[in-house]
Amino acid sequence: MSYDYQYVTLRLVPRVEREEFINVGVVLYSQEAEFLQAAFDLDEDRALAMAPELDLESVRAALEAVCRVAAGEHSPSTPHLDRLGPRFGWLSAPRSTIVQPGPVHGGTTEDPAATLEHLVRILVS
């Protein structure tokens, strides 16, 4: 069976005013497959080459928080969203922080988890 999906690439934007970024993760959502998951691959050397003063622990914490929200975990600093669609909407909404979602893209897949891994490999790693 084939499923429609949407995804956003997560961007590391160390200095928002410069509008420079590197891709660090992907969030993939498929309503039909009831799938929402995020994955990331933070290349610390590349990030530090772009911004030597970067706090890598904060970046990693922000990326891990995105993964927890996608997985449906609740915390005091994130909204309580039980359904996948609203969670993806919150994760894909534009924001001016160090980790930002890119534009929403779509496709079809037979295996959303494998597609997420593939997207991280080709867009991030």
PDB file of N, CA and C in Angstrom:
ATOM      1  N   MET A   1       0.846  -1.183   0.000  1.00  0.00           N
ATOM      2  CA  MET A   1       0.000   0.000   0.000  1.00  0.00           C
ATOM      3  C   MET A   1       0.885   1.237   0.000  1.00  0.00           C
ATOM      4  N   SER A   2       0.460   2.236  -0.725  1.00  0.00           N
ATOM      5  CA  SER A   2       1.194   3.485  -0.826  1.00  0.00           C
ATOM      6  C   SER A   2       0.505   4.563   0.017  1.00  0.00           C
ATOM      7  N   TYR A   3       1.315   5.356   0.729  1.00  0.00           N
ATOM      8  CA  TYR A   3       0.807   6.406   1.612  1.00  0.00           C
ATOM      9  C   TYR A   3       1.323   7.765   1.162  1.00  0.00           C
ATOM     10  N   ASP A   4       0.454   8.755   1.189  1.00  0.00           N
ATOM     11  CA  ASP A   4       0.891  10.133   0.992  1.00  0.00           C
ATOM     12  C   ASP A   4       1.581  10.605   2.266  1.00  0.00           C
ATOM     13  N   TYR A   5       2.585  11.466   2.111  1.00  0.00           N
ATOM     14  CA  TYR A   5       3.244  12.034   3.288  1.00  0.00           C
ATOM     15  C   TYR A   5       3.660  13.468   3.010  1.00  0.00           C
ATOM     16  N   GLN A   6       3.935  14.171   4.089  1.00  0.00           N
ATOM     17  CA  GLN A   6       4.500  15.512   4.051  1.00  0.00           C
ATOM     18  C   GLN A   6       5.725  15.510   4.942  1.00  0.00           C
ATOM     19  N   TYR A   7       6.686  16.352   4.599  1.00  0.00           N
ATOM     20  CA  TYR A   7       7.857  16.471   5.464  1.00  0.00           C
ATOM     21  C   TYR A   7       8.410  17.881   5.434  1.00  0.00           C
ATOM     22  N   VAL A   8       9.137  18.217   6.484  1.00  0.00           N
ATOM     23  CA  VAL A   8       9.918  19.445   6.537  1.00  0.00           C
ATOM     24  C   VAL A   8      11.342  19.080   6.911  1.00  0.00           C
ATOM     25  N   THR A   9      12.263  19.821   6.354  1.00  0.00           N
ATOM     26  CA  THR A   9      13.658  19.694   6.738  1.00  0.00           C
ATOM     27  C   THR A   9      13.895  20.655   7.897  1.00  0.00           C
ATOM     28  N   LEU A  10      14.586  20.187   8.910  1.00  0.00           N
ATOM     29  CA  LEU A  10      14.943  21.047  10.042  1.00  0.00           C
ATOM     30  C   LEU A  10      16.275  21.713   9.743  1.00  0.00           C
ATOM     31  N   ARG A  11      16.313  23.010   9.936  1.00  0.00           N
ATOM     32  CA  ARG A  11      17.490  23.798   9.612  1.00  0.00           C
ATOM     33  C   ARG A  11      18.115  24.385  10.871  1.00  0.00           C
ATOM     34  N   LEU A  12      19.425  24.317  10.934  1.00  0.00           N
ATOM     35  CA  LEU A  12      20.174  24.984  11.995  1.00  0.00           C
ATOM     36  C   LEU A  12      20.536  26.372  11.471  1.00  0.00           C
ATOM     37  N   VAL A  13      20.020  27.396  12.159  1.00  0.00           N
ATOM     38  CA  VAL A  13      20.245  28.787  11.762  1.00  0.00           C
ATOM     39  C   VAL A  13      20.917  29.486  12.948  1.00  0.00           C
ATOM     40  N   PRO A  14      22.255  29.397  13.027  1.00  0.00           N
ATOM     41  CA  PRO A  14      22.947  29.932  14.209  1.00  0.00           C
ATOM     42  C   PRO A  14      22.812  31.437  14.377  1.00  0.00           C
ATOM     43  N   ARG A  15      22.762  32.165  13.253  1.00  0.00           N
ATOM     44  CA  ARG A  15      22.621  33.622  13.324  1.00  0.00           C
ATOM     45  C   ARG A  15      21.497  34.008  12.364  1.00  0.00           C
ATOM     46  N   VAL A  16      20.317  34.180  12.928  1.00  0.00           N
ATOM     47  CA  VAL A  16      19.110  34.412  12.143  1.00  0.00           C
ATOM     48  C   VAL A  16      19.283  35.595  11.193  1.00  0.00           C
ATOM     49  N   GLU A  17      19.985  36.626  11.642  1.00  0.00           N
ATOM     50  CA  GLU A  17      20.131  37.824  10.824  1.00  0.00           C
ATOM     51  C   GLU A  17      20.934  37.561   9.539  1.00  0.00           C
ATOM     52  N   ARG A  18      21.749  36.515   9.514  1.00  0.00           N
ATOM     53  CA  ARG A  18      22.541  36.202   8.309  1.00  0.00           C
ATOM     54  C   ARG A  18      21.791  35.294   7.343  1.00  0.00           C
ATOM     55  N   GLU A  19      20.727  34.667   7.803  1.00  0.00           N
ATOM     56  CA  GLU A  19      19.897  33.793   6.981  1.00  0.00           C
ATOM     57  C   GLU A  19      20.687  32.639   6.361  1.00  0.00           C
ATOM     58  N   GLU A  20      21.736  32.189   7.039  1.00  0.00           N
ATOM     59  CA  GLU A  20      22.510  31.031   6.599  1.00  0.00           C
ATOM     60  C   GLU A  20      22.083  29.839   7.440  1.00  0.00           C
ATOM     61  N   PHE A  21      22.050  28.661   6.810  1.00  0.00           N
ATOM     62  CA  PHE A  21      21.627  27.479   7.557  1.00  0.00           C
ATOM     63  C   PHE A  21      22.268  26.225   6.994  1.00  0.00           C
ATOM     64  N   ILE A  22      22.231  25.175   7.812  1.00  0.00           N
ATOM     65  CA  ILE A  22      22.566  23.829   7.357  1.00  0.00           C
ATOM     66  C   ILE A  22      21.414  22.919   7.779  1.00  0.00           C
ATOM     67  N   ASN A  23      21.144  21.936   6.955  1.00  0.00           N
ATOM     68  CA  ASN A  23      20.093  20.972   7.280  1.00  0.00           C
ATOM     69  C   ASN A  23      20.585  20.025   8.363  1.00  0.00           C
ATOM     70  N   VAL A  24      19.740  19.806   9.371  1.00  0.00           N
ATOM     71  CA  VAL A  24      20.131  18.950  10.493  1.00  0.00           C
ATOM     72  C   VAL A  24      19.119  17.854  10.814  1.00  0.00           C
ATOM     73  N   GLY A  25      17.936  17.890  10.207  1.00  0.00           N
ATOM     74  CA  GLY A  25      16.938  16.878  10.532  1.00  0.00           C
ATOM     75  C   GLY A  25      15.752  16.930   9.593  1.00  0.00           C
ATOM     76  N   VAL A  26      14.828  15.986   9.811  1.00  0.00           N
ATOM     77  CA  VAL A  26      13.608  15.888   9.002  1.00  0.00           C
ATOM     78  C   VAL A  26      12.469  15.464   9.918  1.00  0.00           C
ATOM     79  N   VAL A  27      11.286  16.038   9.678  1.00  0.00           N
ATOM     80  CA  VAL A  27      10.052  15.595  10.327  1.00  0.00           C
ATOM     81  C   VAL A  27       9.145  15.083   9.214  1.00  0.00           C
ATOM     82  N   LEU A  28       8.677  13.831   9.328  1.00  0.00           N
ATOM     83  CA  LEU A  28       7.822  13.229   8.310  1.00  0.00           C
ATOM     84  C   LEU A  28       6.479  12.852   8.922  1.00  0.00           C
ATOM     85  N   TYR A  29       5.415  13.222   8.205  1.00  0.00           N
ATOM     86  CA  TYR A  29       4.045  12.974   8.663  1.00  0.00           C
ATOM     87  C   TYR A  29       3.239  12.329   7.549  1.00  0.00           C
ATOM     88  N   SER A  30       2.545  11.239   7.883  1.00  0.00           N
ATOM     89  CA  SER A  30       1.599  10.612   6.971  1.00  0.00           C
ATOM     90  C   SER A  30       0.307  10.348   7.728  1.00  0.00           C
ATOM     91  N   GLN A  31      -0.735  11.080   7.358  1.00  0.00           N
ATOM     92  CA  GLN A  31      -2.034  10.888   8.005  1.00  0.00           C
ATOM     93  C   GLN A  31      -2.557   9.484   7.728  1.00  0.00           C
ATOM     94  N   GLU A  32      -2.436   9.033   6.469  1.00  0.00           N
ATOM     95  CA  GLU A  32      -2.957   7.716   6.080  1.00  0.00           C
ATOM     96  C   GLU A  32      -2.279   6.584   6.845  1.00  0.00           C
ATOM     97  N   ALA A  33      -0.974   6.719   7.075  1.00  0.00           N
ATOM     98  CA  ALA A  33      -0.221   5.677   7.777  1.00  0.00           C
ATOM     99  C   ALA A  33      -0.204   5.888   9.281  1.00  0.00           C
ATOM    100  N   GLU A  34      -0.824   6.979   9.740  1.00  0.00           N
ATOM    101  CA  GLU A  34      -0.803   7.348  11.162  1.00  0.00           C
ATOM    102  C   GLU A  34       0.638   7.360  11.682  1.00  0.00           C
ATOM    103  N   PHE A  35       1.468   8.138  10.978  1.00  0.00           N
ATOM    104  CA  PHE A  35       2.902   8.174  11.254  1.00  0.00           C
ATOM    105  C   PHE A  35       3.352   9.622  11.405  1.00  0.00           C
ATOM    106  N   LEU A  36       4.067   9.918  12.467  1.00  0.00           N
ATOM    107  CA  LEU A  36       4.734  11.204  12.666  1.00  0.00           C
ATOM    108  C   LEU A  36       6.001  10.928  13.440  1.00  0.00           C
ATOM    109  N   GLN A  37       7.118  11.245  12.806  1.00  0.00           N
ATOM    110  CA  GLN A  37       8.394  10.986  13.456  1.00  0.00           C
ATOM    111  C   GLN A  37       9.423  11.993  12.957  1.00  0.00           C
ATOM    112  N   ALA A  38      10.382  12.299  13.802  1.00  0.00           N
ATOM    113  CA  ALA A  38      11.484  13.188  13.444  1.00  0.00           C
ATOM    114  C   ALA A  38      12.792  12.462  13.680  1.00  0.00           C
ATOM    115  N   ALA A  39      13.779  12.821  12.892  1.00  0.00           N
ATOM    116  CA  ALA A  39      15.126  12.273  13.058  1.00  0.00           C
ATOM    117  C   ALA A  39      16.119  13.367  12.699  1.00  0.00           C
ATOM    118  N   PHE A  40      17.301  13.307  13.288  1.00  0.00           N
ATOM    119  CA  PHE A  40      18.309  14.317  12.992  1.00  0.00           C
ATOM    120  C   PHE A  40      19.696  13.707  12.987  1.00  0.00           C
ATOM    121  N   ASP A  41      20.616  14.438  12.363  1.00  0.00           N
ATOM    122  CA  ASP A  41      22.028  14.063  12.319  1.00  0.00           C
ATOM    123  C   ASP A  41      22.810  15.365  12.390  1.00  0.00           C
ATOM    124  N   LEU A  42      23.262  15.706  13.575  1.00  0.00           N
ATOM    125  CA  LEU A  42      23.965  16.966  13.798  1.00  0.00           C
ATOM    126  C   LEU A  42      25.458  16.764  13.549  1.00  0.00           C
ATOM    127  N   ASP A  43      25.958  17.319  12.465  1.00  0.00           N
ATOM    128  CA  ASP A  43      27.385  17.297  12.148  1.00  0.00           C
ATOM    129  C   ASP A  43      28.019  18.447  12.932  1.00  0.00           C
ATOM    130  N   GLU A  44      28.572  18.119  14.086  1.00  0.00           N
ATOM    131  CA  GLU A  44      29.076  19.152  14.998  1.00  0.00           C
ATOM    132  C   GLU A  44      30.215  19.952  14.389  1.00  0.00           C
ATOM    133  N   ASP A  45      31.113  19.293  13.652  1.00  0.00           N
ATOM    134  CA  ASP A  45      32.234  20.015  13.041  1.00  0.00           C
ATOM    135  C   ASP A  45      31.726  21.037  12.017  1.00  0.00           C
ATOM    136  N   ARG A  46      30.767  20.635  11.218  1.00  0.00           N
ATOM    137  CA  ARG A  46      30.205  21.543  10.215  1.00  0.00           C
ATOM    138  C   ARG A  46      29.476  22.716  10.881  1.00  0.00           C
ATOM    139  N   ALA A  47      28.739  22.408  11.944  1.00  0.00           N
ATOM    140  CA  ALA A  47      28.018  23.456  12.665  1.00  0.00           C
ATOM    141  C   ALA A  47      28.984  24.461  13.282  1.00  0.00           C
ATOM    142  N   LEU A  48      30.054  23.947  13.881  1.00  0.00           N
ATOM    143  CA  LEU A  48      31.028  24.846  14.508  1.00  0.00           C
ATOM    144  C   LEU A  48      31.826  25.633  13.469  1.00  0.00           C
ATOM    145  N   ALA A  49      32.030  25.064  12.281  1.00  0.00           N
ATOM    146  CA  ALA A  49      32.707  25.812  11.216  1.00  0.00           C
ATOM    147  C   ALA A  49      31.859  27.002  10.788  1.00  0.00           C
ATOM    148  N   MET A  50      30.557  26.828  10.844  1.00  0.00           N
ATOM    149  CA  MET A  50      29.640  27.904  10.466  1.00  0.00           C
ATOM    150  C   MET A  50      29.510  28.946  11.574  1.00  0.00           C
ATOM    151  N   ALA A  51      29.541  28.476  12.813  1.00  0.00           N
ATOM    152  CA  ALA A  51      29.355  29.370  13.961  1.00  0.00           C
ATOM    153  C   ALA A  51      30.188  28.843  15.135  1.00  0.00           C
ATOM    154  N   PRO A  52      31.442  29.264  15.247  1.00  0.00           N
ATOM    155  CA  PRO A  52      32.335  28.740  16.286  1.00  0.00           C
ATOM    156  C   PRO A  52      31.828  28.914  17.716  1.00  0.00           C
ATOM    157  N   GLU A  53      30.986  29.911  17.948  1.00  0.00           N
ATOM    158  CA  GLU A  53      30.468  30.181  19.294  1.00  0.00           C
ATOM    159  C   GLU A  53      29.210  29.376  19.617  1.00  0.00           C
ATOM    160  N   LEU A  54      28.785  28.522  18.709  1.00  0.00           N
ATOM    161  CA  LEU A  54      27.535  27.788  18.837  1.00  0.00           C
ATOM    162  C   LEU A  54      27.521  26.881  20.065  1.00  0.00           C
ATOM    163  N   ASP A  55      26.422  26.889  20.785  1.00  0.00           N
ATOM    164  CA  ASP A  55      26.219  26.010  21.940  1.00  0.00           C
ATOM    165  C   ASP A  55      25.600  24.703  21.428  1.00  0.00           C
ATOM    166  N   LEU A  56      26.447  23.719  21.168  1.00  0.00           N
ATOM    167  CA  LEU A  56      25.983  22.460  20.587  1.00  0.00           C
ATOM    168  C   LEU A  56      25.007  21.717  21.490  1.00  0.00           C
ATOM    169  N   GLU A  57      25.171  21.832  22.790  1.00  0.00           N
ATOM    170  CA  GLU A  57      24.242  21.164  23.711  1.00  0.00           C
ATOM    171  C   GLU A  57      22.830  21.721  23.559  1.00  0.00           C
ATOM    172  N   SER A  58      22.719  23.034  23.384  1.00  0.00           N
ATOM    173  CA  SER A  58      21.401  23.647  23.197  1.00  0.00           C
ATOM    174  C   SER A  58      20.776  23.217  21.874  1.00  0.00           C
ATOM    175  N   VAL A  59      21.589  23.127  20.846  1.00  0.00           N
ATOM    176  CA  VAL A  59      21.085  22.695  19.538  1.00  0.00           C
ATOM    177  C   VAL A  59      20.592  21.256  19.636  1.00  0.00           C
ATOM    178  N   ARG A  60      21.399  20.395  20.225  1.00  0.00           N
ATOM    179  CA  ARG A  60      21.009  18.988  20.377  1.00  0.00           C
ATOM    180  C   ARG A  60      19.727  18.883  21.216  1.00  0.00           C
ATOM    181  N   ALA A  61      19.616  19.673  22.263  1.00  0.00           N
ATOM    182  CA  ALA A  61      18.406  19.657  23.107  1.00  0.00           C
ATOM    183  C   ALA A  61      17.182  20.093  22.298  1.00  0.00           C
ATOM    184  N   ALA A  62      17.335  21.101  21.447  1.00  0.00           N
ATOM    185  CA  ALA A  62      16.212  21.561  20.612  1.00  0.00           C
ATOM    186  C   ALA A  62      15.792  20.468  19.635  1.00  0.00           C
ATOM    187  N   LEU A  63      16.752  19.788  19.033  1.00  0.00           N
ATOM    188  CA  LEU A  63      16.445  18.701  18.096  1.00  0.00           C
ATOM    189  C   LEU A  63      15.788  17.520  18.805  1.00  0.00           C
ATOM    190  N   GLU A  64      16.267  17.203  19.982  1.00  0.00           N
ATOM    191  CA  GLU A  64      15.659  16.118  20.756  1.00  0.00           C
ATOM    192  C   GLU A  64      14.237  16.483  21.171  1.00  0.00           C
ATOM    193  N   ALA A  65      13.993  17.755  21.464  1.00  0.00           N
ATOM    194  CA  ALA A  65      12.642  18.199  21.817  1.00  0.00           C
ATOM    195  C   ALA A  65      11.696  18.029  20.632  1.00  0.00           C
ATOM    196  N   VAL A  66      12.164  18.329  19.429  1.00  0.00           N
ATOM    197  CA  VAL A  66      11.341  18.125  18.234  1.00  0.00           C
ATOM    198  C   VAL A  66      10.977  16.643  18.112  1.00  0.00           C
ATOM    199  N   CYS A  67      11.942  15.771  18.327  1.00  0.00           N
ATOM    200  CA  CYS A  67      11.685  14.326  18.246  1.00  0.00           C
ATOM    201  C   CYS A  67      10.668  13.890  19.293  1.00  0.00           C
ATOM    202  N   ARG A  68      10.765  14.444  20.501  1.00  0.00           N
ATOM    203  CA  ARG A  68       9.814  14.087  21.565  1.00  0.00           C
ATOM    204  C   ARG A  68       8.404  14.580  21.239  1.00  0.00           C
ATOM    205  N   VAL A  69       8.284  15.793  20.704  1.00  0.00           N
ATOM    206  CA  VAL A  69       6.964  16.316  20.327  1.00  0.00           C
ATOM    207  C   VAL A  69       6.376  15.435  19.224  1.00  0.00           C
ATOM    208  N   ALA A  70       7.176  15.096  18.229  1.00  0.00           N
ATOM    209  CA  ALA A  70       6.687  14.235  17.148  1.00  0.00           C
ATOM    210  C   ALA A  70       6.196  12.897  17.694  1.00  0.00           C
ATOM    211  N   ALA A  71       6.885  12.387  18.698  1.00  0.00           N
ATOM    212  CA  ALA A  71       6.517  11.100  19.298  1.00  0.00           C
ATOM    213  C   ALA A  71       5.321  11.211  20.240  1.00  0.00           C
ATOM    214  N   GLY A  72       4.869  12.438  20.507  1.00  0.00           N
ATOM    215  CA  GLY A  72       3.701  12.620  21.353  1.00  0.00           C
ATOM    216  C   GLY A  72       4.003  12.781  22.826  1.00  0.00           C
ATOM    217  N   GLU A  73       5.275  12.951  23.180  1.00  0.00           N
ATOM    218  CA  GLU A  73       5.630  13.174  24.576  1.00  0.00           C
ATOM    219  C   GLU A  73       5.267  14.610  24.961  1.00  0.00           C
ATOM    220  N   HIS A  74       4.800  14.780  26.173  1.00  0.00           N
ATOM    221  CA  HIS A  74       4.377  16.095  26.646  1.00  0.00           C
ATOM    222  C   HIS A  74       5.391  16.639  27.646  1.00  0.00           C
ATOM    223  N   SER A  75       5.550  17.958  27.615  1.00  0.00           N
ATOM    224  CA  SER A  75       6.406  18.621  28.592  1.00  0.00           C
ATOM    225  C   SER A  75       5.818  19.996  28.868  1.00  0.00           C
ATOM    226  N   PRO A  76       6.246  20.640  29.941  1.00  0.00           N
ATOM    227  CA  PRO A  76       5.710  21.970  30.257  1.00  0.00           C
ATOM    228  C   PRO A  76       6.011  23.021  29.180  1.00  0.00           C
ATOM    229  N   SER A  77       7.071  22.812  28.380  1.00  0.00           N
ATOM    230  CA  SER A  77       7.457  23.828  27.398  1.00  0.00           C
ATOM    231  C   SER A  77       6.899  23.571  25.999  1.00  0.00           C
ATOM    232  N   THR A  78       6.113  22.515  25.825  1.00  0.00           N
ATOM    233  CA  THR A  78       5.531  22.225  24.516  1.00  0.00           C
ATOM    234  C   THR A  78       4.020  22.092  24.641  1.00  0.00           C
ATOM    235  N   PRO A  79       3.314  22.318  23.540  1.00  0.00           N
ATOM    236  CA  PRO A  79       1.852  22.218  23.616  1.00  0.00           C
ATOM    237  C   PRO A  79       1.394  20.772  23.789  1.00  0.00           C
ATOM    238  N   HIS A  80       0.231  20.615  24.366  1.00  0.00           N
ATOM    239  CA  HIS A  80      -0.366  19.287  24.554  1.00  0.00           C
ATOM    240  C   HIS A  80      -1.241  19.002  23.333  1.00  0.00           C
ATOM    241  N   LEU A  81      -0.670  18.294  22.356  1.00  0.00           N
ATOM    242  CA  LEU A  81      -1.369  17.998  21.113  1.00  0.00           C
ATOM    243  C   LEU A  81      -1.433  16.483  20.942  1.00  0.00           C
ATOM    244  N   ASP A  82      -2.623  15.918  21.073  1.00  0.00           N
ATOM    245  CA  ASP A  82      -2.765  14.472  21.013  1.00  0.00           C
ATOM    246  C   ASP A  82      -2.802  13.918  19.591  1.00  0.00           C
ATOM    247  N   ARG A  83      -3.338  14.682  18.645  1.00  0.00           N
ATOM    248  CA  ARG A  83      -3.478  14.175  17.283  1.00  0.00           C
ATOM    249  C   ARG A  83      -2.250  14.513  16.440  1.00  0.00           C
ATOM    250  N   LEU A  84      -1.930  13.622  15.501  1.00  0.00           N
ATOM    251  CA  LEU A  84      -0.727  13.788  14.696  1.00  0.00           C
ATOM    252  C   LEU A  84      -0.760  15.047  13.826  1.00  0.00           C
ATOM    253  N   GLY A  85      -1.893  15.314  13.173  1.00  0.00           N
ATOM    254  CA  GLY A  85      -1.983  16.469  12.280  1.00  0.00           C
ATOM    255  C   GLY A  85      -1.655  17.790  12.961  1.00  0.00           C
ATOM    256  N   PRO A  86      -2.296  18.100  14.084  1.00  0.00           N
ATOM    257  CA  PRO A  86      -1.949  19.339  14.786  1.00  0.00           C
ATOM    258  C   PRO A  86      -0.492  19.367  15.281  1.00  0.00           C
ATOM    259  N   ARG A  87       0.048  18.210  15.664  1.00  0.00           N
ATOM    260  CA  ARG A  87       1.460  18.162  16.089  1.00  0.00           C
ATOM    261  C   ARG A  87       2.373  18.499  14.915  1.00  0.00           C
ATOM    262  N   PHE A  88       2.085  17.911  13.741  1.00  0.00           N
ATOM    263  CA  PHE A  88       2.899  18.244  12.567  1.00  0.00           C
ATOM    264  C   PHE A  88       2.749  19.722  12.228  1.00  0.00           C
ATOM    265  N   GLY A  89       1.541  20.238  12.332  1.00  0.00           N
ATOM    266  CA  GLY A  89       1.327  21.658  12.074  1.00  0.00           C
ATOM    267  C   GLY A  89       2.161  22.534  12.986  1.00  0.00           C
ATOM    268  N   TRP A  90       2.229  22.164  14.267  1.00  0.00           N
ATOM    269  CA  TRP A  90       3.022  22.938  15.224  1.00  0.00           C
ATOM    270  C   TRP A  90       4.514  22.815  14.895  1.00  0.00           C
ATOM    271  N   LEU A  91       4.961  21.596  14.559  1.00  0.00           N
ATOM    272  CA  LEU A  91       6.380  21.379  14.258  1.00  0.00           C
ATOM    273  C   LEU A  91       6.812  22.049  12.955  1.00  0.00           C
ATOM    274  N   SER A  92       5.893  22.170  12.004  1.00  0.00           N
ATOM    275  CA  SER A  92       6.247  22.733  10.700  1.00  0.00           C
ATOM    276  C   SER A  92       5.963  24.235  10.604  1.00  0.00           C
ATOM    277  N   ALA A  93       5.433  24.831  11.652  1.00  0.00           N
ATOM    278  CA  ALA A  93       5.130  26.270  11.634  1.00  0.00           C
ATOM    279  C   ALA A  93       6.425  27.083  11.650  1.00  0.00           C
ATOM    280  N   PRO A  94       6.485  28.134  10.846  1.00  0.00           N
ATOM    281  CA  PRO A  94       7.687  28.981  10.832  1.00  0.00           C
ATOM    282  C   PRO A  94       7.962  29.567  12.216  1.00  0.00           C
ATOM    283  N   ARG A  95       9.230  29.627  12.556  1.00  0.00           N
ATOM    284  CA  ARG A  95       9.633  30.251  13.812  1.00  0.00           C
ATOM    285  C   ARG A  95      11.025  30.839  13.641  1.00  0.00           C
ATOM    286  N   SER A  96      11.335  31.787  14.476  1.00  0.00           N
ATOM    287  CA  SER A  96      12.631  32.448  14.417  1.00  0.00           C
ATOM    288  C   SER A  96      13.467  31.987  15.601  1.00  0.00           C
ATOM    289  N   THR A  97      13.925  30.751  15.522  1.00  0.00           N
ATOM    290  CA  THR A  97      14.776  30.172  16.558  1.00  0.00           C
ATOM    291  C   THR A  97      15.986  29.556  15.885  1.00  0.00           C
ATOM    292  N   ILE A  98      16.866  28.973  16.651  1.00  0.00           N
ATOM    293  CA  ILE A  98      18.085  28.403  16.094  1.00  0.00           C
ATOM    294  C   ILE A  98      17.805  27.152  15.251  1.00  0.00           C
ATOM    295  N   VAL A  99      16.744  26.401  15.572  1.00  0.00           N
ATOM    296  CA  VAL A  99      16.307  25.270  14.750  1.00  0.00           C
ATOM    297  C   VAL A  99      14.964  25.652  14.137  1.00  0.00           C
ATOM    298  N   GLN A 100      14.942  25.724  12.807  1.00  0.00           N
ATOM    299  CA  GLN A 100      13.749  26.174  12.094  1.00  0.00           C
ATOM    300  C   GLN A 100      13.308  25.128  11.080  1.00  0.00           C
ATOM    301  N   PRO A 101      11.999  24.968  10.885  1.00  0.00           N
ATOM    302  CA  PRO A 101      11.524  24.082   9.816  1.00  0.00           C
ATOM    303  C   PRO A 101      11.584  24.805   8.473  1.00  0.00           C
ATOM    304  N   GLY A 102      11.919  24.051   7.446  1.00  0.00           N
ATOM    305  CA  GLY A 102      11.867  24.589   6.095  1.00  0.00           C
ATOM    306  C   GLY A 102      10.459  24.455   5.543  1.00  0.00           C
ATOM    307  N   PRO A 103      10.298  24.664   4.240  1.00  0.00           N
ATOM    308  CA  PRO A 103       8.976  24.525   3.622  1.00  0.00           C
ATOM    309  C   PRO A 103       8.483  23.079   3.662  1.00  0.00           C
ATOM    310  N   VAL A 104       7.170  22.917   3.599  1.00  0.00           N
ATOM    311  CA  VAL A 104       6.559  21.595   3.580  1.00  0.00           C
ATOM    312  C   VAL A 104       6.636  21.034   2.162  1.00  0.00           C
ATOM    313  N   HIS A 105       7.096  19.792   2.068  1.00  0.00           N
ATOM    314  CA  HIS A 105       7.156  19.057   0.803  1.00  0.00           C
ATOM    315  C   HIS A 105       6.340  17.783   0.967  1.00  0.00           C
ATOM    316  N   GLY A 106       6.048  17.107  -0.130  1.00  0.00           N
ATOM    317  CA  GLY A 106       5.257  15.884  -0.039  1.00  0.00           C
ATOM    318  C   GLY A 106       5.710  14.823  -1.005  1.00  0.00           C
ATOM    319  N   GLY A 107       5.114  13.645  -0.840  1.00  0.00           N
ATOM    320  CA  GLY A 107       5.412  12.521  -1.705  1.00  0.00           C
ATOM    321  C   GLY A 107       4.544  11.344  -1.345  1.00  0.00           C
ATOM    322  N   THR A 108       4.898  10.187  -1.875  1.00  0.00           N
ATOM    323  CA  THR A 108       4.220   8.940  -1.533  1.00  0.00           C
ATOM    324  C   THR A 108       5.270   7.904  -1.167  1.00  0.00           C
ATOM    325  N   THR A 109       4.876   6.981  -0.304  1.00  0.00           N
ATOM    326  CA  THR A 109       5.799   5.961   0.165  1.00  0.00           C
ATOM    327  C   THR A 109       5.035   4.713   0.573  1.00  0.00           C
ATOM    328  N   GLU A 110       5.706   3.599   0.544  1.00  0.00           N
ATOM    329  CA  GLU A 110       5.140   2.370   1.093  1.00  0.00           C
ATOM    330  C   GLU A 110       5.596   2.157   2.532  1.00  0.00           C
ATOM    331  N   ASP A 111       6.666   2.860   2.924  1.00  0.00           N
ATOM    332  CA  ASP A 111       7.250   2.682   4.255  1.00  0.00           C
ATOM    333  C   ASP A 111       7.713   4.037   4.795  1.00  0.00           C
ATOM    334  N   PRO A 112       6.858   4.715   5.577  1.00  0.00           N
ATOM    335  CA  PRO A 112       7.233   6.048   6.076  1.00  0.00           C
ATOM    336  C   PRO A 112       8.536   6.069   6.877  1.00  0.00           C
ATOM    337  N   ALA A 113       8.783   5.071   7.699  1.00  0.00           N
ATOM    338  CA  ALA A 113      10.013   5.061   8.505  1.00  0.00           C
ATOM    339  C   ALA A 113      11.252   4.967   7.612  1.00  0.00           C
ATOM    340  N   ALA A 114      11.199   4.127   6.603  1.00  0.00           N
ATOM    341  CA  ALA A 114      12.328   3.999   5.677  1.00  0.00           C
ATOM    342  C   ALA A 114      12.508   5.289   4.874  1.00  0.00           C
ATOM    343  N   THR A 115      11.411   5.923   4.516  1.00  0.00           N
ATOM    344  CA  THR A 115      11.486   7.185   3.780  1.00  0.00           C
ATOM    345  C   THR A 115      12.107   8.268   4.649  1.00  0.00           C
ATOM    346  N   LEU A 116      11.750   8.307   5.927  1.00  0.00           N
ATOM    347  CA  LEU A 116      12.367   9.264   6.842  1.00  0.00           C
ATOM    348  C   LEU A 116      13.880   9.049   6.881  1.00  0.00           C
ATOM    349  N   GLU A 117      14.319   7.821   7.038  1.00  0.00           N
ATOM    350  CA  GLU A 117      15.762   7.520   7.057  1.00  0.00           C
ATOM    351  C   GLU A 117      16.414   7.962   5.756  1.00  0.00           C
ATOM    352  N   HIS A 118      15.748   7.683   4.632  1.00  0.00           N
ATOM    353  CA  HIS A 118      16.280   8.069   3.318  1.00  0.00           C
ATOM    354  C   HIS A 118      16.405   9.581   3.209  1.00  0.00           C
ATOM    355  N   LEU A 119      15.390  10.309   3.623  1.00  0.00           N
ATOM    356  CA  LEU A 119      15.414  11.772   3.549  1.00  0.00           C
ATOM    357  C   LEU A 119      16.529  12.348   4.419  1.00  0.00           C
ATOM    358  N   VAL A 120      16.708  11.791   5.608  1.00  0.00           N
ATOM    359  CA  VAL A 120      17.805  12.272   6.466  1.00  0.00           C
ATOM    360  C   VAL A 120      19.141  12.017   5.777  1.00  0.00           C
ATOM    361  N   ARG A 121      19.280  10.870   5.168  1.00  0.00           N
ATOM    362  CA  ARG A 121      20.535  10.510   4.497  1.00  0.00           C
ATOM    363  C   ARG A 121      20.825  11.452   3.318  1.00  0.00           C
ATOM    364  N   ILE A 122      19.804  11.752   2.499  1.00  0.00           N
ATOM    365  CA  ILE A 122      20.090  12.562   1.300  1.00  0.00           C
ATOM    366  C   ILE A 122      20.043  14.075   1.547  1.00  0.00           C
ATOM    367  N   LEU A 123      19.285  14.507   2.547  1.00  0.00           N
ATOM    368  CA  LEU A 123      19.131  15.944   2.790  1.00  0.00           C
ATOM    369  C   LEU A 123      20.010  16.476   3.911  1.00  0.00           C
ATOM    370  N   VAL A 124      20.437  15.595   4.801  1.00  0.00           N
ATOM    371  CA  VAL A 124      21.153  16.053   5.993  1.00  0.00           C
ATOM    372  C   VAL A 124      22.588  15.527   6.044  1.00  0.00           C
ATOM    373  N   SER A 125      22.748  14.246   5.961  1.00  0.00           N
ATOM    374  CA  SER A 125      24.070  13.615   6.169  1.00  0.00           C
ATOM    375  C   SER A 125      25.038  13.868   5.033  1.00  0.00           C
TER     376      SER A 125
END
